[in-house]
């Protein structure tokens, strides 16, 4: 089975992941929007459109197409002091089948920063039948980690890693909660039911 991964949100409740623009709780909405204001250009992501999906950046739920262990290991190997307690949902790709989904390639050669538009060739339609989980991080991501760490500059954890963008809500009732420092195929706990 193929999976996608999503960081377990703070103050999570319910059994659905919803796009930021669909959050009805004003306090929660402001909590999640705060991360977009930690860099002068990053706030422009709130206005960024996604080609082919014809929606805004925050109209979709974002997923990693790679087990988060590979991100943890690359950061740790670089010497970045990272917590081992970060948790992710491991979600069967079939849970996205009711939505329109795309793979955002996020390639270094075409990426011009968060304020720049996404080029149309960086977005590819994807379904559970065509999706293939990645098993290695892009070398550009590892290079980025090295450069930022050597310069003691802040860094993004998922830079140059392709993203799965899902237009709609995604059920997580059958997902697992995993720690990102756990290697793929290690036993993880099933998430508890939500009440």
C-alpha atoms as a PDB file:
ATOM      1  CA  UNK A   1       0.000   0.000   0.000  1.00  0.00           C
ATOM      2  CA  UNK A   2       1.134   3.538  -0.782  1.00  0.00           C
ATOM      3  CA  UNK A   3       1.019   6.271   1.871  1.00  0.00           C
ATOM      4  CA  UNK A   4       1.222  10.030   2.250  1.00  0.00           C
ATOM      5  CA  UNK A   5       2.319  11.799   5.438  1.00  0.00           C
ATOM      6  CA  UNK A   6       1.074  14.859   7.274  1.00  0.00           C
ATOM      7  CA  UNK A   7       2.460  16.422  10.444  1.00  0.00           C
ATOM      8  CA  UNK A   8      -0.023  15.963  13.282  1.00  0.00           C
ATOM      9  CA  UNK A   9      -1.484  19.439  13.809  1.00  0.00           C
ATOM     10  CA  UNK A  10      -1.454  21.188  17.164  1.00  0.00           C
ATOM     11  CA  UNK A  11      -4.852  21.078  18.852  1.00  0.00           C
ATOM     12  CA  UNK A  12      -6.095  18.355  16.505  1.00  0.00           C
ATOM     13  CA  UNK A  13      -9.687  17.233  16.943  1.00  0.00           C
ATOM     14  CA  UNK A  14     -11.982  15.203  14.734  1.00  0.00           C
ATOM     15  CA  UNK A  15     -11.146  12.657  12.087  1.00  0.00           C
ATOM     16  CA  UNK A  16     -10.621  14.908   9.063  1.00  0.00           C
ATOM     17  CA  UNK A  17      -7.740  17.068   7.857  1.00  0.00           C
ATOM     18  CA  UNK A  18      -9.115  20.240   6.302  1.00  0.00           C
ATOM     19  CA  UNK A  19      -7.410  22.986   4.294  1.00  0.00           C
ATOM     20  CA  UNK A  20      -6.501  26.140   6.194  1.00  0.00           C
ATOM     21  CA  UNK A  21      -9.069  28.193   4.264  1.00  0.00           C
ATOM     22  CA  UNK A  22     -11.866  25.890   5.521  1.00  0.00           C
ATOM     23  CA  UNK A  23     -11.096  26.252   9.221  1.00  0.00           C
ATOM     24  CA  UNK A  24     -14.059  27.828  10.964  1.00  0.00           C
ATOM     25  CA  UNK A  25     -12.430  28.322  14.380  1.00  0.00           C
ATOM     26  CA  UNK A  26     -10.888  31.809  14.240  1.00  0.00           C
ATOM     27  CA  UNK A  27      -8.382  31.104  17.030  1.00  0.00           C
ATOM     28  CA  UNK A  28      -7.181  27.925  15.321  1.00  0.00           C
ATOM     29  CA  UNK A  29      -7.020  29.669  11.949  1.00  0.00           C
ATOM     30  CA  UNK A  30      -4.803  32.413  13.382  1.00  0.00           C
ATOM     31  CA  UNK A  31      -2.577  29.830  15.100  1.00  0.00           C
ATOM     32  CA  UNK A  32      -1.842  28.096  11.782  1.00  0.00           C
ATOM     33  CA  UNK A  33      -1.534  31.294   9.752  1.00  0.00           C
ATOM     34  CA  UNK A  34       1.159  32.526  12.164  1.00  0.00           C
ATOM     35  CA  UNK A  35       3.782  30.275  10.532  1.00  0.00           C
ATOM     36  CA  UNK A  36       3.395  32.219   7.282  1.00  0.00           C
ATOM     37  CA  UNK A  37       4.603  35.432   8.888  1.00  0.00           C
ATOM     38  CA  UNK A  38       8.052  34.225  10.001  1.00  0.00           C
ATOM     39  CA  UNK A  39       9.630  35.437   6.741  1.00  0.00           C
ATOM     40  CA  UNK A  40       8.779  38.571   4.723  1.00  0.00           C
ATOM     41  CA  UNK A  41       7.992  36.646   1.522  1.00  0.00           C
ATOM     42  CA  UNK A  42       6.345  33.623   3.158  1.00  0.00           C
ATOM     43  CA  UNK A  43       3.081  35.494   3.800  1.00  0.00           C
ATOM     44  CA  UNK A  44       2.695  35.667  -0.001  1.00  0.00           C
ATOM     45  CA  UNK A  45       1.968  31.922   0.074  1.00  0.00           C
ATOM     46  CA  UNK A  46      -1.492  32.805   1.382  1.00  0.00           C
ATOM     47  CA  UNK A  47      -2.210  34.414  -2.018  1.00  0.00           C
ATOM     48  CA  UNK A  48      -0.369  31.875  -4.185  1.00  0.00           C
ATOM     49  CA  UNK A  49      -2.416  29.993  -6.773  1.00  0.00           C
ATOM     50  CA  UNK A  50      -1.873  26.379  -7.756  1.00  0.00           C
ATOM     51  CA  UNK A  51      -1.963  25.793 -11.516  1.00  0.00           C
ATOM     52  CA  UNK A  52      -4.202  22.985 -12.785  1.00  0.00           C
ATOM     53  CA  UNK A  53      -6.036  22.806  -9.452  1.00  0.00           C
ATOM     54  CA  UNK A  54      -7.146  26.446  -9.899  1.00  0.00           C
ATOM     55  CA  UNK A  55      -7.174  27.209  -6.206  1.00  0.00           C
ATOM     56  CA  UNK A  56      -5.097  28.916  -3.541  1.00  0.00           C
ATOM     57  CA  UNK A  57      -2.190  27.387  -1.604  1.00  0.00           C
ATOM     58  CA  UNK A  58      -4.359  27.194   1.520  1.00  0.00           C
ATOM     59  CA  UNK A  59      -7.325  25.587  -0.269  1.00  0.00           C
ATOM     60  CA  UNK A  60      -5.468  22.252  -0.253  1.00  0.00           C
ATOM     61  CA  UNK A  61      -4.126  19.862   2.365  1.00  0.00           C
ATOM     62  CA  UNK A  62      -0.363  19.353   1.958  1.00  0.00           C
ATOM     63  CA  UNK A  63       1.269  15.922   2.294  1.00  0.00           C
ATOM     64  CA  UNK A  64       4.763  14.488   2.067  1.00  0.00           C
ATOM     65  CA  UNK A  65       5.165  11.682  -0.477  1.00  0.00           C
ATOM     66  CA  UNK A  66       8.047  10.241   1.536  1.00  0.00           C
ATOM     67  CA  UNK A  67       8.279   8.706   4.989  1.00  0.00           C
ATOM     68  CA  UNK A  68       9.268  11.556   7.368  1.00  0.00           C
ATOM     69  CA  UNK A  69      12.095   9.413   8.772  1.00  0.00           C
ATOM     70  CA  UNK A  70      14.169  10.332   5.709  1.00  0.00           C
ATOM     71  CA  UNK A  71      13.770  14.044   6.528  1.00  0.00           C
ATOM     72  CA  UNK A  72      14.604  13.434  10.196  1.00  0.00           C
ATOM     73  CA  UNK A  73      17.701  11.384   9.292  1.00  0.00           C
ATOM     74  CA  UNK A  74      19.002  13.968   6.796  1.00  0.00           C
ATOM     75  CA  UNK A  75      18.585  16.795   9.302  1.00  0.00           C
ATOM     76  CA  UNK A  76      20.135  14.737  12.101  1.00  0.00           C
ATOM     77  CA  UNK A  77      23.050  13.601   9.897  1.00  0.00           C
ATOM     78  CA  UNK A  78      23.705  17.248   8.997  1.00  0.00           C
ATOM     79  CA  UNK A  79      24.061  18.079  12.668  1.00  0.00           C
ATOM     80  CA  UNK A  80      20.799  19.964  13.057  1.00  0.00           C
ATOM     81  CA  UNK A  81      19.415  19.624  16.572  1.00  0.00           C
ATOM     82  CA  UNK A  82      15.928  18.196  15.905  1.00  0.00           C
ATOM     83  CA  UNK A  83      13.367  16.769  18.262  1.00  0.00           C
ATOM     84  CA  UNK A  84      12.664  13.079  17.928  1.00  0.00           C
ATOM     85  CA  UNK A  85       9.091  13.530  19.136  1.00  0.00           C
ATOM     86  CA  UNK A  86       7.543  15.085  16.026  1.00  0.00           C
ATOM     87  CA  UNK A  87       4.515  13.036  14.962  1.00  0.00           C
ATOM     88  CA  UNK A  88       2.979  12.451  11.547  1.00  0.00           C
ATOM     89  CA  UNK A  89      -0.129  10.789  10.216  1.00  0.00           C
ATOM     90  CA  UNK A  90       0.640   7.877   7.894  1.00  0.00           C
ATOM     91  CA  UNK A  91      -2.382   7.965   5.594  1.00  0.00           C
ATOM     92  CA  UNK A  92      -3.304   5.499   2.840  1.00  0.00           C
ATOM     93  CA  UNK A  93      -3.251   7.371  -0.477  1.00  0.00           C
ATOM     94  CA  UNK A  94      -6.702   5.923  -1.234  1.00  0.00           C
ATOM     95  CA  UNK A  95      -8.089   8.298   1.432  1.00  0.00           C
ATOM     96  CA  UNK A  96      -7.501  11.131  -1.049  1.00  0.00           C
ATOM     97  CA  UNK A  97      -9.464   9.474  -3.871  1.00  0.00           C
ATOM     98  CA  UNK A  98     -12.548  11.700  -3.533  1.00  0.00           C
ATOM     99  CA  UNK A  99     -10.420  14.822  -4.009  1.00  0.00           C
ATOM    100  CA  UNK A 100      -8.614  16.387  -6.917  1.00  0.00           C
ATOM    101  CA  UNK A 101      -4.899  15.739  -6.221  1.00  0.00           C
ATOM    102  CA  UNK A 102      -1.629  16.952  -7.653  1.00  0.00           C
ATOM    103  CA  UNK A 103       2.060  16.349  -7.197  1.00  0.00           C
ATOM    104  CA  UNK A 104       3.963  19.611  -6.758  1.00  0.00           C
ATOM    105  CA  UNK A 105       7.490  18.773  -7.937  1.00  0.00           C
ATOM    106  CA  UNK A 106       9.082  21.710  -6.050  1.00  0.00           C
ATOM    107  CA  UNK A 107      12.277  21.524  -8.083  1.00  0.00           C
ATOM    108  CA  UNK A 108      15.225  23.778  -7.299  1.00  0.00           C
ATOM    109  CA  UNK A 109      15.684  24.769 -10.944  1.00  0.00           C
ATOM    110  CA  UNK A 110      12.243  26.397 -11.152  1.00  0.00           C
ATOM    111  CA  UNK A 111      11.594  27.500  -7.572  1.00  0.00           C
ATOM    112  CA  UNK A 112      11.936  31.279  -7.205  1.00  0.00           C
ATOM    113  CA  UNK A 113      10.747  31.735  -3.614  1.00  0.00           C
ATOM    114  CA  UNK A 114       7.413  31.775  -1.818  1.00  0.00           C
ATOM    115  CA  UNK A 115       6.299  35.059  -3.418  1.00  0.00           C
ATOM    116  CA  UNK A 116       6.778  33.725  -6.964  1.00  0.00           C
ATOM    117  CA  UNK A 117       4.102  31.844  -8.895  1.00  0.00           C
ATOM    118  CA  UNK A 118       4.287  28.078  -9.279  1.00  0.00           C
ATOM    119  CA  UNK A 119       5.137  27.148 -12.844  1.00  0.00           C
ATOM    120  CA  UNK A 120       2.501  24.990 -14.504  1.00  0.00           C
ATOM    121  CA  UNK A 121       4.942  22.174 -15.361  1.00  0.00           C
ATOM    122  CA  UNK A 122       5.654  21.791 -11.621  1.00  0.00           C
ATOM    123  CA  UNK A 123       2.112  20.473 -11.034  1.00  0.00           C
ATOM    124  CA  UNK A 124       1.125  16.973 -12.169  1.00  0.00           C
ATOM    125  CA  UNK A 125      -2.225  15.274 -11.620  1.00  0.00           C
ATOM    126  CA  UNK A 126      -1.954  12.220  -9.375  1.00  0.00           C
ATOM    127  CA  UNK A 127      -4.345   9.498  -8.229  1.00  0.00           C
ATOM    128  CA  UNK A 128      -3.946   6.560  -5.880  1.00  0.00           C
ATOM    129  CA  UNK A 129      -3.426   4.399  -8.992  1.00  0.00           C
ATOM    130  CA  UNK A 130      -0.568   6.546 -10.354  1.00  0.00           C
ATOM    131  CA  UNK A 131       1.033   7.604  -7.060  1.00  0.00           C
ATOM    132  CA  UNK A 132       4.408   6.157  -6.021  1.00  0.00           C
ATOM    133  CA  UNK A 133       5.822   6.909  -2.601  1.00  0.00           C
ATOM    134  CA  UNK A 134       9.379   8.272  -2.668  1.00  0.00           C
ATOM    135  CA  UNK A 135      12.121   6.304  -0.925  1.00  0.00           C
ATOM    136  CA  UNK A 136      14.933   8.874  -1.017  1.00  0.00           C
ATOM    137  CA  UNK A 137      15.194  12.597  -0.421  1.00  0.00           C
ATOM    138  CA  UNK A 138      16.192  14.814  -3.332  1.00  0.00           C
ATOM    139  CA  UNK A 139      19.918  15.622  -3.227  1.00  0.00           C
ATOM    140  CA  UNK A 140      18.967  19.315  -3.453  1.00  0.00           C
ATOM    141  CA  UNK A 141      17.195  18.991  -0.099  1.00  0.00           C
ATOM    142  CA  UNK A 142      20.268  17.513   1.571  1.00  0.00           C
ATOM    143  CA  UNK A 143      22.475  20.226   0.026  1.00  0.00           C
ATOM    144  CA  UNK A 144      20.052  22.886   1.269  1.00  0.00           C
ATOM    145  CA  UNK A 145      20.192  21.444   4.817  1.00  0.00           C
ATOM    146  CA  UNK A 146      24.015  21.446   4.710  1.00  0.00           C
ATOM    147  CA  UNK A 147      24.242  25.020   3.424  1.00  0.00           C
ATOM    148  CA  UNK A 148      21.738  26.449   5.894  1.00  0.00           C
ATOM    149  CA  UNK A 149      23.263  24.575   8.822  1.00  0.00           C
ATOM    150  CA  UNK A 150      26.840  25.631   7.925  1.00  0.00           C
ATOM    151  CA  UNK A 151      25.705  29.276   7.769  1.00  0.00           C
ATOM    152  CA  UNK A 152      23.633  28.933  10.964  1.00  0.00           C
ATOM    153  CA  UNK A 153      20.587  30.197   9.057  1.00  0.00           C
ATOM    154  CA  UNK A 154      16.970  29.193   9.662  1.00  0.00           C
ATOM    155  CA  UNK A 155      15.724  26.503   7.309  1.00  0.00           C
ATOM    156  CA  UNK A 156      12.533  24.901   6.089  1.00  0.00           C
ATOM    157  CA  UNK A 157      12.191  21.210   6.921  1.00  0.00           C
ATOM    158  CA  UNK A 158      10.583  20.240   3.608  1.00  0.00           C
ATOM    159  CA  UNK A 159      12.496  22.411   1.142  1.00  0.00           C
ATOM    160  CA  UNK A 160      12.710  20.924  -2.381  1.00  0.00           C
ATOM    161  CA  UNK A 161      10.731  17.844  -1.322  1.00  0.00           C
ATOM    162  CA  UNK A 162       7.785  17.213  -3.642  1.00  0.00           C
ATOM    163  CA  UNK A 163       4.379  17.735  -2.056  1.00  0.00           C
ATOM    164  CA  UNK A 164       1.040  16.058  -2.636  1.00  0.00           C
ATOM    165  CA  UNK A 165      -1.665  18.732  -2.742  1.00  0.00           C
ATOM    166  CA  UNK A 166      -5.215  17.528  -2.102  1.00  0.00           C
ATOM    167  CA  UNK A 167      -8.184  19.771  -2.852  1.00  0.00           C
ATOM    168  CA  UNK A 168     -10.728  18.781  -0.213  1.00  0.00           C
ATOM    169  CA  UNK A 169     -10.917  17.181   3.211  1.00  0.00           C
ATOM    170  CA  UNK A 170      -9.036  13.953   4.016  1.00  0.00           C
ATOM    171  CA  UNK A 171     -10.233  11.348   6.490  1.00  0.00           C
ATOM    172  CA  UNK A 172      -7.679  10.084   9.010  1.00  0.00           C
ATOM    173  CA  UNK A 173      -9.785   7.535  10.930  1.00  0.00           C
ATOM    174  CA  UNK A 174      -7.688   4.652   9.544  1.00  0.00           C
ATOM    175  CA  UNK A 175      -4.348   6.490   9.676  1.00  0.00           C
ATOM    176  CA  UNK A 176      -1.476   5.650  11.989  1.00  0.00           C
ATOM    177  CA  UNK A 177       0.374   8.156  14.134  1.00  0.00           C
ATOM    178  CA  UNK A 178       4.116   7.697  13.736  1.00  0.00           C
ATOM    179  CA  UNK A 179       7.176   9.431  15.127  1.00  0.00           C
ATOM    180  CA  UNK A 180       9.427  10.740  12.423  1.00  0.00           C
ATOM    181  CA  UNK A 181      12.506   9.208  14.011  1.00  0.00           C
ATOM    182  CA  UNK A 182      11.008   5.712  13.581  1.00  0.00           C
ATOM    183  CA  UNK A 183      12.343   3.886  10.544  1.00  0.00           C
ATOM    184  CA  UNK A 184       9.853   2.828   7.861  1.00  0.00           C
ATOM    185  CA  UNK A 185       8.223  -0.543   8.588  1.00  0.00           C
ATOM    186  CA  UNK A 186       8.711  -0.206  12.363  1.00  0.00           C
ATOM    187  CA  UNK A 187       5.610  -0.841  14.420  1.00  0.00           C
ATOM    188  CA  UNK A 188       3.590   2.277  15.144  1.00  0.00           C
ATOM    189  CA  UNK A 189       0.487   2.891  17.149  1.00  0.00           C
ATOM    190  CA  UNK A 190      -2.980   3.185  15.644  1.00  0.00           C
ATOM    191  CA  UNK A 191      -4.560   6.557  16.365  1.00  0.00           C
ATOM    192  CA  UNK A 192      -7.277   6.504  18.986  1.00  0.00           C
ATOM    193  CA  UNK A 193     -10.887   7.169  17.969  1.00  0.00           C
ATOM    194  CA  UNK A 194     -11.988  10.787  18.173  1.00  0.00           C
ATOM    195  CA  UNK A 195     -14.975  11.792  20.304  1.00  0.00           C
END
